[in-house]
Amino acid sequence: MACFVYILGSAGKGGYRTYVGWTTDLERRLARHNAGTGARSTRGREWVLLYAERHGLRGAAMSREWHLKRDRDFRKQLAANRDFEGLA
């Protein structure tokens, strides 16, 4: 089963934020985040998909998620390209 690693972005009062996760269904997972039933840290914001990668194995997706969570420069670059800087 294919797994996806994704990065979400959101702009709010405190500036922009990014969130990194993994799933087997990107559309359903984004909908859950935006409905407030996703991860606790994503509740109360409107999220957009900034980036996604497809992996054939769950372990590979989870490993990549771990690395992306630690790559703040990459996440900042994605958010800047989306122009969240001007929305906050």
PDB file of N, CA and C in Angstrom:
ATOM      1  N   MET A   1       0.842  -1.183   0.000  1.00  0.00           N
ATOM      2  CA  MET A   1       0.000   0.000   0.000  1.00  0.00           C
ATOM      3  C   MET A   1       0.889   1.248   0.000  1.00  0.00           C
ATOM      4  N   ALA A   2       0.547   2.179  -0.813  1.00  0.00           N
ATOM      5  CA  ALA A   2       1.313   3.421  -0.919  1.00  0.00           C
ATOM      6  C   ALA A   2       1.055   4.299   0.303  1.00  0.00           C
ATOM      7  N   CYS A   3       2.097   4.933   0.771  1.00  0.00           N
ATOM      8  CA  CYS A   3       2.017   5.882   1.877  1.00  0.00           C
ATOM      9  C   CYS A   3       2.560   7.214   1.398  1.00  0.00           C
ATOM     10  N   PHE A   4       2.074   8.269   1.999  1.00  0.00           N
ATOM     11  CA  PHE A   4       2.493   9.609   1.625  1.00  0.00           C
ATOM     12  C   PHE A   4       3.025  10.350   2.838  1.00  0.00           C
ATOM     13  N   VAL A   5       4.072  11.107   2.629  1.00  0.00           N
ATOM     14  CA  VAL A   5       4.572  12.058   3.608  1.00  0.00           C
ATOM     15  C   VAL A   5       4.145  13.421   3.095  1.00  0.00           C
ATOM     16  N   TYR A   6       3.635  14.255   3.975  1.00  0.00           N
ATOM     17  CA  TYR A   6       3.123  15.540   3.511  1.00  0.00           C
ATOM     18  C   TYR A   6       3.530  16.663   4.454  1.00  0.00           C
ATOM     19  N   ILE A   7       3.529  17.864   3.889  1.00  0.00           N
ATOM     20  CA  ILE A   7       3.762  19.074   4.677  1.00  0.00           C
ATOM     21  C   ILE A   7       2.584  20.005   4.426  1.00  0.00           C
ATOM     22  N   LEU A   8       1.952  20.425   5.510  1.00  0.00           N
ATOM     23  CA  LEU A   8       0.844  21.365   5.435  1.00  0.00           C
ATOM     24  C   LEU A   8       1.329  22.740   5.875  1.00  0.00           C
ATOM     25  N   GLY A   9       0.661  23.758   5.403  1.00  0.00           N
ATOM     26  CA  GLY A   9       0.981  25.127   5.806  1.00  0.00           C
ATOM     27  C   GLY A   9      -0.275  25.877   6.194  1.00  0.00           C
ATOM     28  N   SER A  10      -0.127  26.814   7.124  1.00  0.00           N
ATOM     29  CA  SER A  10      -1.250  27.617   7.568  1.00  0.00           C
ATOM     30  C   SER A  10      -0.740  28.978   8.030  1.00  0.00           C
ATOM     31  N   ALA A  11      -1.503  30.017   7.752  1.00  0.00           N
ATOM     32  CA  ALA A  11      -1.173  31.366   8.218  1.00  0.00           C
ATOM     33  C   ALA A  11      -2.194  31.762   9.265  1.00  0.00           C
ATOM     34  N   GLY A  12      -1.733  32.417  10.309  1.00  0.00           N
ATOM     35  CA  GLY A  12      -2.645  32.840  11.372  1.00  0.00           C
ATOM     36  C   GLY A  12      -2.099  34.039  12.101  1.00  0.00           C
ATOM     37  N   LYS A  13      -2.689  34.334  13.254  1.00  0.00           N
ATOM     38  CA  LYS A  13      -2.297  35.489  14.059  1.00  0.00           C
ATOM     39  C   LYS A  13      -0.820  35.446  14.439  1.00  0.00           C
ATOM     40  N   GLY A  14      -0.356  34.281  14.793  1.00  0.00           N
ATOM     41  CA  GLY A  14       1.021  34.139  15.241  1.00  0.00           C
ATOM     42  C   GLY A  14       2.007  33.883  14.121  1.00  0.00           C
ATOM     43  N   GLY A  15       1.618  34.126  12.892  1.00  0.00           N
ATOM     44  CA  GLY A  15       2.484  33.869  11.749  1.00  0.00           C
ATOM     45  C   GLY A  15       2.120  32.566  11.061  1.00  0.00           C
ATOM     46  N   TYR A  16       2.994  32.095  10.220  1.00  0.00           N
ATOM     47  CA  TYR A  16       2.707  30.851   9.519  1.00  0.00           C
ATOM     48  C   TYR A  16       3.243  29.671  10.310  1.00  0.00           C
ATOM     49  N   ARG A  17       2.617  28.535  10.065  1.00  0.00           N
ATOM     50  CA  ARG A  17       3.056  27.281  10.682  1.00  0.00           C
ATOM     51  C   ARG A  17       3.064  26.195   9.620  1.00  0.00           C
ATOM     52  N   THR A  18       3.894  25.212   9.853  1.00  0.00           N
ATOM     53  CA  THR A  18       3.899  24.025   9.004  1.00  0.00           C
ATOM     54  C   THR A  18       3.676  22.811   9.880  1.00  0.00           C
ATOM     55  N   TYR A  19       3.182  21.754   9.268  1.00  0.00           N
ATOM     56  CA  TYR A  19       2.939  20.490   9.954  1.00  0.00           C
ATOM     57  C   TYR A  19       3.382  19.374   9.023  1.00  0.00           C
ATOM     58  N   VAL A  20       4.092  18.405   9.557  1.00  0.00           N
ATOM     59  CA  VAL A  20       4.579  17.267   8.772  1.00  0.00           C
ATOM     60  C   VAL A  20       3.910  16.006   9.292  1.00  0.00           C
ATOM     61  N   GLY A  21       3.430  15.171   8.388  1.00  0.00           N
ATOM     62  CA  GLY A  21       2.798  13.914   8.778  1.00  0.00           C
ATOM     63  C   GLY A  21       2.895  12.893   7.667  1.00  0.00           C
ATOM     64  N   TRP A  22       2.321  11.717   7.924  1.00  0.00           N
ATOM     65  CA  TRP A  22       2.264  10.682   6.892  1.00  0.00           C
ATOM     66  C   TRP A  22       0.871  10.057   6.922  1.00  0.00           C
ATOM     67  N   THR A  23       0.446   9.517   5.785  1.00  0.00           N
ATOM     68  CA  THR A  23      -0.891   8.941   5.664  1.00  0.00           C
ATOM     69  C   THR A  23      -0.947   8.005   4.462  1.00  0.00           C
ATOM     70  N   THR A  24      -2.030   7.284   4.341  1.00  0.00           N
ATOM     71  CA  THR A  24      -2.269   6.470   3.150  1.00  0.00           C
ATOM     72  C   THR A  24      -3.291   7.146   2.229  1.00  0.00           C
ATOM     73  N   ASP A  25      -3.942   8.210   2.706  1.00  0.00           N
ATOM     74  CA  ASP A  25      -4.957   8.920   1.918  1.00  0.00           C
ATOM     75  C   ASP A  25      -4.820  10.421   2.164  1.00  0.00           C
ATOM     76  N   LEU A  26      -4.159  11.114   1.254  1.00  0.00           N
ATOM     77  CA  LEU A  26      -3.877  12.546   1.425  1.00  0.00           C
ATOM     78  C   LEU A  26      -5.144  13.399   1.541  1.00  0.00           C
ATOM     79  N   GLU A  27      -6.083  13.187   0.653  1.00  0.00           N
ATOM     80  CA  GLU A  27      -7.294  14.024   0.652  1.00  0.00           C
ATOM     81  C   GLU A  27      -8.071  13.871   1.951  1.00  0.00           C
ATOM     82  N   ARG A  28      -8.247  12.632   2.398  1.00  0.00           N
ATOM     83  CA  ARG A  28      -8.981  12.391   3.637  1.00  0.00           C
ATOM     84  C   ARG A  28      -8.250  13.007   4.833  1.00  0.00           C
ATOM     85  N   ARG A  29      -6.932  12.878   4.855  1.00  0.00           N
ATOM     86  CA  ARG A  29      -6.151  13.395   5.978  1.00  0.00           C
ATOM     87  C   ARG A  29      -6.200  14.920   6.045  1.00  0.00           C
ATOM     88  N   LEU A  30      -6.082  15.593   4.900  1.00  0.00           N
ATOM     89  CA  LEU A  30      -6.191  17.050   4.871  1.00  0.00           C
ATOM     90  C   LEU A  30      -7.576  17.492   5.339  1.00  0.00           C
ATOM     91  N   ALA A  31      -8.600  16.790   4.898  1.00  0.00           N
ATOM     92  CA  ALA A  31      -9.967  17.115   5.325  1.00  0.00           C
ATOM     93  C   ALA A  31     -10.126  16.963   6.832  1.00  0.00           C
ATOM     94  N   ARG A  32      -9.512  15.937   7.414  1.00  0.00           N
ATOM     95  CA  ARG A  32      -9.588  15.738   8.871  1.00  0.00           C
ATOM     96  C   ARG A  32      -8.859  16.861   9.617  1.00  0.00           C
ATOM     97  N   HIS A  33      -7.706  17.265   9.110  1.00  0.00           N
ATOM     98  CA  HIS A  33      -6.992  18.378   9.747  1.00  0.00           C
ATOM     99  C   HIS A  33      -7.848  19.645   9.721  1.00  0.00           C
ATOM    100  N   ASN A  34      -8.445  19.935   8.593  1.00  0.00           N
ATOM    101  CA  ASN A  34      -9.243  21.150   8.461  1.00  0.00           C
ATOM    102  C   ASN A  34     -10.566  21.074   9.215  1.00  0.00           C
ATOM    103  N   ALA A  35     -11.051  19.850   9.484  1.00  0.00           N
ATOM    104  CA  ALA A  35     -12.286  19.679  10.250  1.00  0.00           C
ATOM    105  C   ALA A  35     -12.034  19.727  11.762  1.00  0.00           C
ATOM    106  N   GLY A  36     -10.761  19.772  12.147  1.00  0.00           N
ATOM    107  CA  GLY A  36     -10.440  19.818  13.569  1.00  0.00           C
ATOM    108  C   GLY A  36     -10.344  18.453  14.220  1.00  0.00           C
ATOM    109  N   THR A  37     -10.324  17.384  13.413  1.00  0.00           N
ATOM    110  CA  THR A  37     -10.238  16.032  13.971  1.00  0.00           C
ATOM    111  C   THR A  37      -8.885  15.392  13.678  1.00  0.00           C
ATOM    112  N   GLY A  38      -7.952  16.195  13.190  1.00  0.00           N
ATOM    113  CA  GLY A  38      -6.597  15.694  12.946  1.00  0.00           C
ATOM    114  C   GLY A  38      -5.758  15.839  14.204  1.00  0.00           C
ATOM    115  N   ALA A  39      -4.488  15.995  14.039  1.00  0.00           N
ATOM    116  CA  ALA A  39      -3.584  16.164  15.177  1.00  0.00           C
ATOM    117  C   ALA A  39      -3.982  17.391  16.000  1.00  0.00           C
ATOM    118  N   ARG A  40      -3.775  17.312  17.291  1.00  0.00           N
ATOM    119  CA  ARG A  40      -4.171  18.409  18.186  1.00  0.00           C
ATOM    120  C   ARG A  40      -3.522  19.734  17.795  1.00  0.00           C
ATOM    121  N   SER A  41      -2.281  19.678  17.355  1.00  0.00           N
ATOM    122  CA  SER A  41      -1.566  20.912  17.015  1.00  0.00           C
ATOM    123  C   SER A  41      -2.082  21.579  15.746  1.00  0.00           C
ATOM    124  N   THR A  42      -2.946  20.917  14.997  1.00  0.00           N
ATOM    125  CA  THR A  42      -3.460  21.505  13.760  1.00  0.00           C
ATOM    126  C   THR A  42      -4.876  22.061  13.911  1.00  0.00           C
ATOM    127  N   ARG A  43      -5.464  21.910  15.057  1.00  0.00           N
ATOM    128  CA  ARG A  43      -6.855  22.336  15.250  1.00  0.00           C
ATOM    129  C   ARG A  43      -6.981  23.851  15.279  1.00  0.00           C
ATOM    130  N   GLY A  44      -8.086  24.341  14.701  1.00  0.00           N
ATOM    131  CA  GLY A  44      -8.380  25.768  14.735  1.00  0.00           C
ATOM    132  C   GLY A  44      -7.719  26.577  13.635  1.00  0.00           C
ATOM    133  N   ARG A  45      -7.136  25.920  12.646  1.00  0.00           N
ATOM    134  CA  ARG A  45      -6.491  26.619  11.528  1.00  0.00           C
ATOM    135  C   ARG A  45      -6.960  26.010  10.211  1.00  0.00           C
ATOM    136  N   GLU A  46      -6.828  26.779   9.162  1.00  0.00           N
ATOM    137  CA  GLU A  46      -7.100  26.298   7.805  1.00  0.00           C
ATOM    138  C   GLU A  46      -5.771  25.898   7.188  1.00  0.00           C
ATOM    139  N   TRP A  47      -5.645  24.655   6.767  1.00  0.00           N
ATOM    140  CA  TRP A  47      -4.389  24.109   6.250  1.00  0.00           C
ATOM    141  C   TRP A  47      -4.464  23.882   4.757  1.00  0.00           C
ATOM    142  N   VAL A  48      -3.329  24.078   4.083  1.00  0.00           N
ATOM    143  CA  VAL A  48      -3.199  23.768   2.660  1.00  0.00           C
ATOM    144  C   VAL A  48      -2.006  22.831   2.481  1.00  0.00           C
ATOM    145  N   LEU A  49      -2.101  21.988   1.496  1.00  0.00           N
ATOM    146  CA  LEU A  49      -1.021  21.053   1.206  1.00  0.00           C
ATOM    147  C   LEU A  49       0.103  21.796   0.496  1.00  0.00           C
ATOM    148  N   LEU A  50       1.296  21.789   1.081  1.00  0.00           N
ATOM    149  CA  LEU A  50       2.452  22.451   0.493  1.00  0.00           C
ATOM    150  C   LEU A  50       3.328  21.474  -0.281  1.00  0.00           C
ATOM    151  N   TYR A  51       3.378  20.219   0.176  1.00  0.00           N
ATOM    152  CA  TYR A  51       4.348  19.271  -0.379  1.00  0.00           C
ATOM    153  C   TYR A  51       3.914  17.857  -0.022  1.00  0.00           C
ATOM    154  N   ALA A  52       4.159  16.922  -0.931  1.00  0.00           N
ATOM    155  CA  ALA A  52       3.867  15.510  -0.660  1.00  0.00           C
ATOM    156  C   ALA A  52       4.840  14.627  -1.428  1.00  0.00           C
ATOM    157  N   GLU A  53       5.163  13.496  -0.821  1.00  0.00           N
ATOM    158  CA  GLU A  53       6.008  12.473  -1.441  1.00  0.00           C
ATOM    159  C   GLU A  53       5.301  11.128  -1.299  1.00  0.00           C
ATOM    160  N   ARG A  54       5.427  10.300  -2.304  1.00  0.00           N
ATOM    161  CA  ARG A  54       4.840   8.955  -2.245  1.00  0.00           C
ATOM    162  C   ARG A  54       5.932   7.944  -1.939  1.00  0.00           C
ATOM    163  N   HIS A  55       5.628   7.014  -1.040  1.00  0.00           N
ATOM    164  CA  HIS A  55       6.556   5.948  -0.677  1.00  0.00           C
ATOM    165  C   HIS A  55       5.826   4.614  -0.754  1.00  0.00           C
ATOM    166  N   GLY A  56       6.548   3.585  -1.151  1.00  0.00           N
ATOM    167  CA  GLY A  56       5.961   2.259  -1.272  1.00  0.00           C
ATOM    168  C   GLY A  56       5.808   1.531   0.045  1.00  0.00           C
ATOM    169  N   LEU A  57       6.625   1.878   1.009  1.00  0.00           N
ATOM    170  CA  LEU A  57       6.592   1.199   2.299  1.00  0.00           C
ATOM    171  C   LEU A  57       6.308   2.180   3.426  1.00  0.00           C
ATOM    172  N   ARG A  58       5.534   1.736   4.392  1.00  0.00           N
ATOM    173  CA  ARG A  58       5.193   2.568   5.542  1.00  0.00           C
ATOM    174  C   ARG A  58       6.447   3.014   6.294  1.00  0.00           C
ATOM    175  N   GLY A  59       7.377   2.120   6.494  1.00  0.00           N
ATOM    176  CA  GLY A  59       8.605   2.455   7.212  1.00  0.00           C
ATOM    177  C   GLY A  59       9.402   3.544   6.524  1.00  0.00           C
ATOM    178  N   ALA A  60       9.420   3.513   5.202  1.00  0.00           N
ATOM    179  CA  ALA A  60      10.130   4.548   4.443  1.00  0.00           C
ATOM    180  C   ALA A  60       9.449   5.905   4.613  1.00  0.00           C
ATOM    181  N   ALA A  61       8.112   5.905   4.613  1.00  0.00           N
ATOM    182  CA  ALA A  61       7.361   7.153   4.801  1.00  0.00           C
ATOM    183  C   ALA A  61       7.596   7.705   6.201  1.00  0.00           C
ATOM    184  N   MET A  62       7.594   6.843   7.197  1.00  0.00           N
ATOM    185  CA  MET A  62       7.795   7.291   8.572  1.00  0.00           C
ATOM    186  C   MET A  62       9.217   7.829   8.783  1.00  0.00           C
ATOM    187  N   SER A  63      10.183   7.208   8.141  1.00  0.00           N
ATOM    188  CA  SER A  63      11.564   7.677   8.231  1.00  0.00           C
ATOM    189  C   SER A  63      11.710   9.054   7.583  1.00  0.00           C
ATOM    190  N   ARG A  64      11.097   9.214   6.421  1.00  0.00           N
ATOM    191  CA  ARG A  64      11.168  10.500   5.721  1.00  0.00           C
ATOM    192  C   ARG A  64      10.459  11.593   6.523  1.00  0.00           C
ATOM    193  N   GLU A  65       9.329  11.247   7.153  1.00  0.00           N
ATOM    194  CA  GLU A  65       8.618  12.199   8.008  1.00  0.00           C
ATOM    195  C   GLU A  65       9.551  12.683   9.121  1.00  0.00           C
ATOM    196  N   TRP A  66      10.270  11.773   9.747  1.00  0.00           N
ATOM    197  CA  TRP A  66      11.202  12.117  10.821  1.00  0.00           C
ATOM    198  C   TRP A  66      12.237  13.129  10.334  1.00  0.00           C
ATOM    199  N   HIS A  67      12.770  12.893   9.124  1.00  0.00           N
ATOM    200  CA  HIS A  67      13.779  13.796   8.575  1.00  0.00           C
ATOM    201  C   HIS A  67      13.188  15.170   8.218  1.00  0.00           C
ATOM    202  N   LEU A  68      11.992  15.180   7.631  1.00  0.00           N
ATOM    203  CA  LEU A  68      11.371  16.455   7.248  1.00  0.00           C
ATOM    204  C   LEU A  68      11.000  17.291   8.470  1.00  0.00           C
ATOM    205  N   LYS A  69      10.626  16.641   9.556  1.00  0.00           N
ATOM    206  CA  LYS A  69      10.298  17.388  10.771  1.00  0.00           C
ATOM    207  C   LYS A  69      11.510  18.148  11.294  1.00  0.00           C
ATOM    208  N   ARG A  70      12.673  17.659  11.014  1.00  0.00           N
ATOM    209  CA  ARG A  70      13.900  18.294  11.490  1.00  0.00           C
ATOM    210  C   ARG A  70      14.504  19.271  10.485  1.00  0.00           C
ATOM    211  N   ASP A  71      13.951  19.325   9.289  1.00  0.00           N
ATOM    212  CA  ASP A  71      14.468  20.207   8.232  1.00  0.00           C
ATOM    213  C   ASP A  71      13.652  21.499   8.197  1.00  0.00           C
ATOM    214  N   ARG A  72      13.871  22.361   9.164  1.00  0.00           N
ATOM    215  CA  ARG A  72      13.097  23.600   9.260  1.00  0.00           C
ATOM    216  C   ARG A  72      13.357  24.540   8.097  1.00  0.00           C
ATOM    217  N   ASP A  73      14.568  24.539   7.577  1.00  0.00           N
ATOM    218  CA  ASP A  73      14.879  25.408   6.434  1.00  0.00           C
ATOM    219  C   ASP A  73      14.025  25.047   5.225  1.00  0.00           C
ATOM    220  N   PHE A  74      13.857  23.758   4.955  1.00  0.00           N
ATOM    221  CA  PHE A  74      13.036  23.307   3.829  1.00  0.00           C
ATOM    222  C   PHE A  74      11.583  23.733   4.035  1.00  0.00           C
ATOM    223  N   ARG A  75      11.057  23.566   5.248  1.00  0.00           N
ATOM    224  CA  ARG A  75       9.671  23.946   5.526  1.00  0.00           C
ATOM    225  C   ARG A  75       9.489  25.461   5.414  1.00  0.00           C
ATOM    226  N   LYS A  76      10.468  26.245   5.871  1.00  0.00           N
ATOM    227  CA  LYS A  76      10.397  27.705   5.739  1.00  0.00           C
ATOM    228  C   LYS A  76      10.381  28.112   4.272  1.00  0.00           C
ATOM    229  N   GLN A  77      11.196  27.423   3.481  1.00  0.00           N
ATOM    230  CA  GLN A  77      11.262  27.719   2.047  1.00  0.00           C
ATOM    231  C   GLN A  77       9.918  27.425   1.379  1.00  0.00           C
ATOM    232  N   LEU A  78       9.289  26.319   1.723  1.00  0.00           N
ATOM    233  CA  LEU A  78       7.974  25.993   1.167  1.00  0.00           C
ATOM    234  C   LEU A  78       6.948  27.058   1.535  1.00  0.00           C
ATOM    235  N   ALA A  79       6.951  27.472   2.788  1.00  0.00           N
ATOM    236  CA  ALA A  79       5.991  28.478   3.242  1.00  0.00           C
ATOM    237  C   ALA A  79       6.245  29.822   2.560  1.00  0.00           C
ATOM    238  N   ALA A  80       7.516  30.170   2.378  1.00  0.00           N
ATOM    239  CA  ALA A  80       7.848  31.439   1.717  1.00  0.00           C
ATOM    240  C   ALA A  80       7.401  31.415   0.256  1.00  0.00           C
ATOM    241  N   ASN A  81       7.561  30.274  -0.392  1.00  0.00           N
ATOM    242  CA  ASN A  81       7.125  30.135  -1.781  1.00  0.00           C
ATOM    243  C   ASN A  81       5.610  30.258  -1.894  1.00  0.00           C
ATOM    244  N   ARG A  82       4.905  29.918  -0.850  1.00  0.00           N
ATOM    245  CA  ARG A  82       3.441  30.002  -0.830  1.00  0.00           C
ATOM    246  C   ARG A  82       2.983  31.394  -0.407  1.00  0.00           C
ATOM    247  N   ASP A  83       3.931  32.238   0.000  1.00  0.00           N
ATOM    248  CA  ASP A  83       3.688  33.617   0.424  1.00  0.00           C
ATOM    249  C   ASP A  83       2.822  33.696   1.683  1.00  0.00           C
ATOM    250  N   PHE A  84       3.070  32.815   2.635  1.00  0.00           N
ATOM    251  CA  PHE A  84       2.428  32.919   3.931  1.00  0.00           C
ATOM    252  C   PHE A  84       2.979  34.106   4.702  1.00  0.00           C
ATOM    253  N   GLU A  85       4.172  34.544   4.350  1.00  0.00           N
ATOM    254  CA  GLU A  85       4.813  35.663   5.038  1.00  0.00           C
ATOM    255  C   GLU A  85       3.887  36.886   5.033  1.00  0.00           C
ATOM    256  N   GLY A  86       3.255  37.142   3.904  1.00  0.00           N
ATOM    257  CA  GLY A  86       2.405  38.326   3.786  1.00  0.00           C
ATOM    258  C   GLY A  86       1.005  38.141   4.350  1.00  0.00           C
ATOM    259  N   LEU A  87       0.622  36.917   4.657  1.00  0.00           N
ATOM    260  CA  LEU A  87      -0.732  36.657   5.145  1.00  0.00           C
ATOM    261  C   LEU A  87      -0.847  36.748   6.651  1.00  0.00           C
ATOM    262  N   ALA A  88       0.244  36.614   7.342  1.00  0.00           N
ATOM    263  CA  ALA A  88       0.182  36.564   8.809  1.00  0.00           C
ATOM    264  C   ALA A  88      -0.116  37.930   9.400  1.00  0.00           C
TER     265      ALA A  88
END
